[in-house]
């Protein structure tokens, strides 16, 4: 069973990232350090730690990519855009309805 990073507490993710940086020099590779940290913290996969480390590097400006803050802003704007499009469709339908009412002969 795999777990998404959102299921792990933020403090644990930050601690894992710090630990990888601290023990990197004690291992033959960064991946070996990630495997060690995953084992010590009871995290199912070194790939999970790898993802956290890469995201932390992007957020710190050490690696190119979309930061967590930018990603959250983009999600917010997309949701707002969906809501505005929906409201626009409702207004278009209402204007068609009322225009048809105005064109009907009065009794």
C-alpha atoms as a PDB file:
ATOM      1  CA  UNK A   1       0.000   0.000   0.000  1.00  0.00           C
ATOM      2  CA  UNK A   2       1.526   3.310  -1.020  1.00  0.00           C
ATOM      3  CA  UNK A   3       1.082   6.539   0.883  1.00  0.00           C
ATOM      4  CA  UNK A   4       1.016  10.036  -0.501  1.00  0.00           C
ATOM      5  CA  UNK A   5       3.401  12.581   0.993  1.00  0.00           C
ATOM      6  CA  UNK A   6       0.394  14.534   2.292  1.00  0.00           C
ATOM      7  CA  UNK A   7      -0.278  11.627   4.648  1.00  0.00           C
ATOM      8  CA  UNK A   8       3.021  12.171   6.458  1.00  0.00           C
ATOM      9  CA  UNK A   9       3.235  15.063   8.917  1.00  0.00           C
ATOM     10  CA  UNK A  10       5.076  18.125   7.620  1.00  0.00           C
ATOM     11  CA  UNK A  11       7.537  17.910  10.522  1.00  0.00           C
ATOM     12  CA  UNK A  12       8.484  14.353   9.515  1.00  0.00           C
ATOM     13  CA  UNK A  13       9.033  15.369   5.887  1.00  0.00           C
ATOM     14  CA  UNK A  14      11.234  18.309   6.951  1.00  0.00           C
ATOM     15  CA  UNK A  15      13.181  16.112   9.378  1.00  0.00           C
ATOM     16  CA  UNK A  16      13.791  13.489   6.678  1.00  0.00           C
ATOM     17  CA  UNK A  17      15.108  16.146   4.269  1.00  0.00           C
ATOM     18  CA  UNK A  18      17.444  17.524   6.963  1.00  0.00           C
ATOM     19  CA  UNK A  19      18.657  14.034   7.851  1.00  0.00           C
ATOM     20  CA  UNK A  20      19.541  13.243   4.234  1.00  0.00           C
ATOM     21  CA  UNK A  21      21.650  16.407   4.060  1.00  0.00           C
ATOM     22  CA  UNK A  22      23.303  15.636   7.406  1.00  0.00           C
ATOM     23  CA  UNK A  23      24.237  12.015   6.669  1.00  0.00           C
ATOM     24  CA  UNK A  24      24.932  12.303   2.932  1.00  0.00           C
ATOM     25  CA  UNK A  25      28.709  12.350   3.451  1.00  0.00           C
ATOM     26  CA  UNK A  26      28.505   9.085   5.458  1.00  0.00           C
ATOM     27  CA  UNK A  27      27.081   7.187   2.458  1.00  0.00           C
ATOM     28  CA  UNK A  28      28.327   6.241  -0.999  1.00  0.00           C
ATOM     29  CA  UNK A  29      25.496   8.133  -2.698  1.00  0.00           C
ATOM     30  CA  UNK A  30      22.577  10.415  -1.999  1.00  0.00           C
ATOM     31  CA  UNK A  31      20.242   7.499  -2.747  1.00  0.00           C
ATOM     32  CA  UNK A  32      21.970   5.364  -0.091  1.00  0.00           C
ATOM     33  CA  UNK A  33      21.462   8.203   2.405  1.00  0.00           C
ATOM     34  CA  UNK A  34      17.782   8.384   1.426  1.00  0.00           C
ATOM     35  CA  UNK A  35      17.386   4.625   1.900  1.00  0.00           C
ATOM     36  CA  UNK A  36      18.984   4.897   5.330  1.00  0.00           C
ATOM     37  CA  UNK A  37      16.689   7.756   6.382  1.00  0.00           C
ATOM     38  CA  UNK A  38      13.607   5.926   5.072  1.00  0.00           C
ATOM     39  CA  UNK A  39      14.579   2.886   7.120  1.00  0.00           C
ATOM     40  CA  UNK A  40      15.302   4.893  10.291  1.00  0.00           C
ATOM     41  CA  UNK A  41      12.044   6.865  10.105  1.00  0.00           C
ATOM     42  CA  UNK A  42       9.857   3.953   9.015  1.00  0.00           C
ATOM     43  CA  UNK A  43       8.976   5.497   5.659  1.00  0.00           C
ATOM     44  CA  UNK A  44       7.976   2.881   3.113  1.00  0.00           C
ATOM     45  CA  UNK A  45      10.176   3.953   0.230  1.00  0.00           C
ATOM     46  CA  UNK A  46      13.383   5.848  -0.408  1.00  0.00           C
ATOM     47  CA  UNK A  47      11.584   7.277  -3.468  1.00  0.00           C
ATOM     48  CA  UNK A  48       9.253   9.122  -1.093  1.00  0.00           C
ATOM     49  CA  UNK A  49      12.263  10.735   0.597  1.00  0.00           C
ATOM     50  CA  UNK A  50      13.746  11.483  -2.844  1.00  0.00           C
ATOM     51  CA  UNK A  51      10.562  13.350  -3.826  1.00  0.00           C
ATOM     52  CA  UNK A  52      10.638  15.376  -0.592  1.00  0.00           C
ATOM     53  CA  UNK A  53      14.301  16.286  -1.045  1.00  0.00           C
ATOM     54  CA  UNK A  54      13.764  17.400  -4.652  1.00  0.00           C
ATOM     55  CA  UNK A  55      10.706  19.468  -3.684  1.00  0.00           C
ATOM     56  CA  UNK A  56      12.662  21.114  -0.856  1.00  0.00           C
ATOM     57  CA  UNK A  57      15.442  21.952  -3.323  1.00  0.00           C
ATOM     58  CA  UNK A  58      12.941  23.543  -5.733  1.00  0.00           C
ATOM     59  CA  UNK A  59      11.328  25.515  -2.904  1.00  0.00           C
ATOM     60  CA  UNK A  60      14.770  26.736  -1.776  1.00  0.00           C
ATOM     61  CA  UNK A  61      15.657  27.828  -5.323  1.00  0.00           C
ATOM     62  CA  UNK A  62      18.458  25.259  -5.586  1.00  0.00           C
ATOM     63  CA  UNK A  63      16.761  23.385  -8.430  1.00  0.00           C
ATOM     64  CA  UNK A  64      14.514  24.585 -11.272  1.00  0.00           C
ATOM     65  CA  UNK A  65      10.817  23.823 -11.051  1.00  0.00           C
ATOM     66  CA  UNK A  66       7.491  25.024  -9.719  1.00  0.00           C
ATOM     67  CA  UNK A  67       7.646  25.812  -5.999  1.00  0.00           C
ATOM     68  CA  UNK A  68       5.011  24.592  -3.561  1.00  0.00           C
ATOM     69  CA  UNK A  69       3.766  28.170  -3.200  1.00  0.00           C
ATOM     70  CA  UNK A  70       3.451  28.627  -6.971  1.00  0.00           C
ATOM     71  CA  UNK A  71       1.708  25.279  -7.288  1.00  0.00           C
ATOM     72  CA  UNK A  72      -0.828  26.206  -4.595  1.00  0.00           C
ATOM     73  CA  UNK A  73      -1.462  29.575  -6.273  1.00  0.00           C
ATOM     74  CA  UNK A  74      -1.964  27.857  -9.632  1.00  0.00           C
ATOM     75  CA  UNK A  75      -4.481  25.403  -8.103  1.00  0.00           C
ATOM     76  CA  UNK A  76      -6.342  28.327  -6.511  1.00  0.00           C
ATOM     77  CA  UNK A  77      -6.446  30.284  -9.767  1.00  0.00           C
ATOM     78  CA  UNK A  78      -7.630  27.249 -11.751  1.00  0.00           C
ATOM     79  CA  UNK A  79     -10.460  26.697  -9.264  1.00  0.00           C
ATOM     80  CA  UNK A  80     -11.405  30.373  -9.443  1.00  0.00           C
ATOM     81  CA  UNK A  81     -11.316  30.219 -13.244  1.00  0.00           C
ATOM     82  CA  UNK A  82     -13.653  27.166 -13.237  1.00  0.00           C
ATOM     83  CA  UNK A  83     -16.093  28.996 -10.960  1.00  0.00           C
ATOM     84  CA  UNK A  84     -16.038  32.127 -13.130  1.00  0.00           C
ATOM     85  CA  UNK A  85     -16.659  30.075 -16.293  1.00  0.00           C
ATOM     86  CA  UNK A  86     -19.590  28.350 -14.572  1.00  0.00           C
ATOM     87  CA  UNK A  87     -21.051  31.697 -13.481  1.00  0.00           C
ATOM     88  CA  UNK A  88     -20.577  33.032 -17.014  1.00  0.00           C
ATOM     89  CA  UNK A  89     -22.523  30.086 -18.474  1.00  0.00           C
ATOM     90  CA  UNK A  90     -25.360  30.706 -16.002  1.00  0.00           C
ATOM     91  CA  UNK A  91     -25.473  34.383 -16.957  1.00  0.00           C
ATOM     92  CA  UNK A  92     -25.499  33.535 -20.682  1.00  0.00           C
ATOM     93  CA  UNK A  93     -28.391  31.112 -20.193  1.00  0.00           C
ATOM     94  CA  UNK A  94     -30.299  33.709 -18.160  1.00  0.00           C
ATOM     95  CA  UNK A  95     -29.772  36.410 -20.803  1.00  0.00           C
ATOM     96  CA  UNK A  96     -31.088  34.066 -23.539  1.00  0.00           C
ATOM     97  CA  UNK A  97     -34.134  33.288 -21.392  1.00  0.00           C
ATOM     98  CA  UNK A  98     -34.909  36.939 -20.656  1.00  0.00           C
ATOM     99  CA  UNK A  99     -34.291  38.006 -24.271  1.00  0.00           C
ATOM    100  CA  UNK A 100     -36.826  35.386 -25.405  1.00  0.00           C
ATOM    101  CA  UNK A 101     -39.316  36.686 -22.809  1.00  0.00           C
ATOM    102  CA  UNK A 102     -38.940  40.230 -24.204  1.00  0.00           C
ATOM    103  CA  UNK A 103     -39.568  39.033 -27.763  1.00  0.00           C
ATOM    104  CA  UNK A 104     -42.876  37.342 -26.873  1.00  0.00           C
ATOM    105  CA  UNK A 105     -45.997  39.287 -27.793  1.00  0.00           C
ATOM    106  CA  UNK A 106     -47.667  40.892 -24.771  1.00  0.00           C
ATOM    107  CA  UNK A 107     -51.274  39.975 -23.926  1.00  0.00           C
END
